[in-house]
C-alpha atoms as a PDB file:
ATOM      1  CA  MET A   1     -53.763 -10.669  17.117  1.00  0.00           C
ATOM      2  CA  ALA A   2     -57.482 -10.837  16.230  1.00  0.00           C
ATOM      3  CA  ARG A   3     -59.674 -10.923  19.480  1.00  0.00           C
ATOM      4  CA  LYS A   4     -62.966 -12.612  19.879  1.00  0.00           C
ATOM      5  CA  GLU A   5     -65.774 -10.158  21.693  1.00  0.00           C
ATOM      6  CA  ARG A   6     -67.777 -11.643  24.260  1.00  0.00           C
ATOM      7  CA  GLY A   7     -71.191 -10.728  25.057  1.00  0.00           C
ATOM      8  CA  ASN A   8     -72.458  -7.498  25.891  1.00  0.00           C
ATOM      9  CA  ARG A   9     -70.083  -5.007  25.899  1.00  0.00           C
ATOM     10  CA  LYS A  10     -70.040  -1.533  26.669  1.00  0.00           C
ATOM     11  CA  THR A  11     -67.593   0.658  23.960  1.00  0.00           C
ATOM     12  CA  ARG A  12     -67.219   4.517  23.620  1.00  0.00           C
ATOM     13  CA  VAL A  13     -66.219   6.726  21.098  1.00  0.00           C
ATOM     14  CA  GLY A  14     -64.443   9.504  22.271  1.00  0.00           C
ATOM     15  CA  VAL A  15     -61.107  11.572  21.791  1.00  0.00           C
ATOM     16  CA  VAL A  16     -56.976  10.639  22.853  1.00  0.00           C
ATOM     17  CA  VAL A  17     -56.167  13.613  25.381  1.00  0.00           C
ATOM     18  CA  SER A  18     -53.318  11.981  26.603  1.00  0.00           C
ATOM     19  CA  ASP A  19     -50.582   9.219  24.925  1.00  0.00           C
ATOM     20  CA  ARG A  20     -48.385   9.842  27.616  1.00  0.00           C
ATOM     21  CA  MET A  21     -48.101   6.658  29.536  1.00  0.00           C
ATOM     22  CA  ASP A  22     -46.389   3.642  27.539  1.00  0.00           C
ATOM     23  CA  LYS A  23     -48.417   0.623  26.625  1.00  0.00           C
ATOM     24  CA  THR A  24     -51.354   3.799  27.510  1.00  0.00           C
ATOM     25  CA  VAL A  25     -53.613   6.769  26.612  1.00  0.00           C
ATOM     26  CA  VAL A  26     -56.440   8.793  27.699  1.00  0.00           C
ATOM     27  CA  VAL A  27     -59.355   8.867  26.218  1.00  0.00           C
ATOM     28  CA  GLN A  28     -62.237  11.919  26.672  1.00  0.00           C
ATOM     29  CA  VAL A  29     -65.833  10.827  25.977  1.00  0.00           C
ATOM     30  CA  GLU A  30     -68.255  13.599  25.948  1.00  0.00           C
ATOM     31  CA  GLN A  31     -72.096  12.814  25.757  1.00  0.00           C
ATOM     32  CA  LEU A  32     -74.709  15.209  25.504  1.00  0.00           C
ATOM     33  CA  VAL A  33     -77.542  14.933  27.868  1.00  0.00           C
ATOM     34  CA  MET A  34     -80.722  17.264  28.296  1.00  0.00           C
ATOM     35  CA  HIS A  35     -81.287  19.088  31.832  1.00  0.00           C
ATOM     36  CA  PRO A  36     -83.947  17.696  33.521  1.00  0.00           C
ATOM     37  CA  LEU A  37     -85.224  21.004  34.224  1.00  0.00           C
ATOM     38  CA  TYR A  38     -83.601  24.147  32.248  1.00  0.00           C
ATOM     39  CA  LYS A  39     -84.230  21.379  28.923  1.00  0.00           C
ATOM     40  CA  LYS A  40     -80.838  22.750  27.284  1.00  0.00           C
ATOM     41  CA  TYR A  41     -78.272  19.976  26.216  1.00  0.00           C
ATOM     42  CA  VAL A  42     -75.178  20.625  28.842  1.00  0.00           C
ATOM     43  CA  ARG A  43     -72.212  18.389  27.596  1.00  0.00           C
ATOM     44  CA  ARG A  44     -71.037  16.124  29.721  1.00  0.00           C
ATOM     45  CA  ARG A  45     -67.033  14.664  29.557  1.00  0.00           C
ATOM     46  CA  LYS A  46     -65.439  11.298  31.300  1.00  0.00           C
ATOM     47  CA  LYS A  47     -61.898  10.183  30.925  1.00  0.00           C
ATOM     48  CA  PHE A  48     -61.343   7.173  30.354  1.00  0.00           C
ATOM     49  CA  LYS A  49     -57.367   4.813  30.997  1.00  0.00           C
ATOM     50  CA  ALA A  50     -57.597   2.526  27.968  1.00  0.00           C
ATOM     51  CA  HIS A  51     -54.447  -0.001  26.784  1.00  0.00           C
ATOM     52  CA  ASP A  52     -53.049   0.517  23.621  1.00  0.00           C
ATOM     53  CA  GLU A  53     -50.725  -2.098  23.158  1.00  0.00           C
ATOM     54  CA  GLU A  54     -48.034  -0.778  20.655  1.00  0.00           C
ATOM     55  CA  ASN A  55     -48.449   3.262  21.905  1.00  0.00           C
ATOM     56  CA  GLN A  56     -49.757   3.672  18.349  1.00  0.00           C
ATOM     57  CA  TYR A  57     -52.230   6.148  18.883  1.00  0.00           C
ATOM     58  CA  GLN A  58     -51.454   9.980  19.490  1.00  0.00           C
ATOM     59  CA  VAL A  59     -53.332  12.727  20.792  1.00  0.00           C
ATOM     60  CA  GLY A  60     -56.083  14.830  18.803  1.00  0.00           C
ATOM     61  CA  ASP A  61     -56.989  10.433  17.627  1.00  0.00           C
ATOM     62  CA  MET A  62     -60.735   9.495  17.215  1.00  0.00           C
ATOM     63  CA  VAL A  63     -61.164   6.370  18.760  1.00  0.00           C
ATOM     64  CA  GLU A  64     -63.039   3.612  19.610  1.00  0.00           C
ATOM     65  CA  ILE A  65     -63.241   1.701  23.040  1.00  0.00           C
ATOM     66  CA  ILE A  66     -64.637  -1.610  24.439  1.00  0.00           C
ATOM     67  CA  GLU A  67     -64.511  -2.293  27.847  1.00  0.00           C
ATOM     68  CA  THR A  68     -62.606  -5.069  29.310  1.00  0.00           C
ATOM     69  CA  ARG A  69     -60.759  -6.966  32.549  1.00  0.00           C
ATOM     70  CA  PRO A  70     -58.934  -4.531  35.438  1.00  0.00           C
ATOM     71  CA  LEU A  71     -56.050  -4.037  33.957  1.00  0.00           C
ATOM     72  CA  SER A  72     -54.309  -1.560  36.389  1.00  0.00           C
ATOM     73  CA  LYS A  73     -55.538   0.566  39.343  1.00  0.00           C
ATOM     74  CA  GLU A  74     -57.413   2.126  37.024  1.00  0.00           C
ATOM     75  CA  LYS A  75     -56.834   0.928  33.465  1.00  0.00           C
ATOM     76  CA  ARG A  76     -60.683  -1.261  32.474  1.00  0.00           C
ATOM     77  CA  TRP A  77     -61.046  -0.409  28.614  1.00  0.00           C
ATOM     78  CA  ARG A  78     -58.656  -0.876  25.690  1.00  0.00           C
ATOM     79  CA  VAL A  79     -58.870   0.896  22.093  1.00  0.00           C
ATOM     80  CA  LYS A  80     -60.722  -0.988  19.696  1.00  0.00           C
ATOM     81  CA  ARG A  81     -60.217   1.027  16.556  1.00  0.00           C
ATOM     82  CA  LEU A  82     -58.878   4.777  15.086  1.00  0.00           C
ATOM     83  CA  ILE A  83     -62.042   6.100  13.513  1.00  0.00           C
ATOM     84  CA  SER A  84     -60.640   8.993  12.058  1.00  0.00           C
ATOM     85  CA  ARG A  85     -57.006  10.751  12.632  1.00  0.00           C
ATOM     86  CA  PRO A  86     -56.418  14.800  12.367  1.00  0.00           C
ATOM     87  CA  GLU A  87     -55.263  16.444   9.204  1.00  0.00           C
ATOM     88  CA  ILE A  88     -51.385  17.881   9.552  1.00  0.00           C
ATOM     89  CA  LYS A  89     -51.962  21.682   7.527  1.00  0.00           C
END
């Protein structure tokens, strides 16, 4: 089902770190931020719960998530698209 995008919704790119819940994945987004005093780059990580209607995303997948209305107590994002899937060795 194609959805029409509305307004300026935030998007993030991250890696799926958990797919154990039904119709939900946990996506970890990583950002490099310069430390204000030491001028070194620090890794900031944040986890978002995102809606995955068909349970199609697996741990390790790189996905793009988009902001949406509240879907549950902690879920305010949904998976927009799959960017890459890790190669199986």
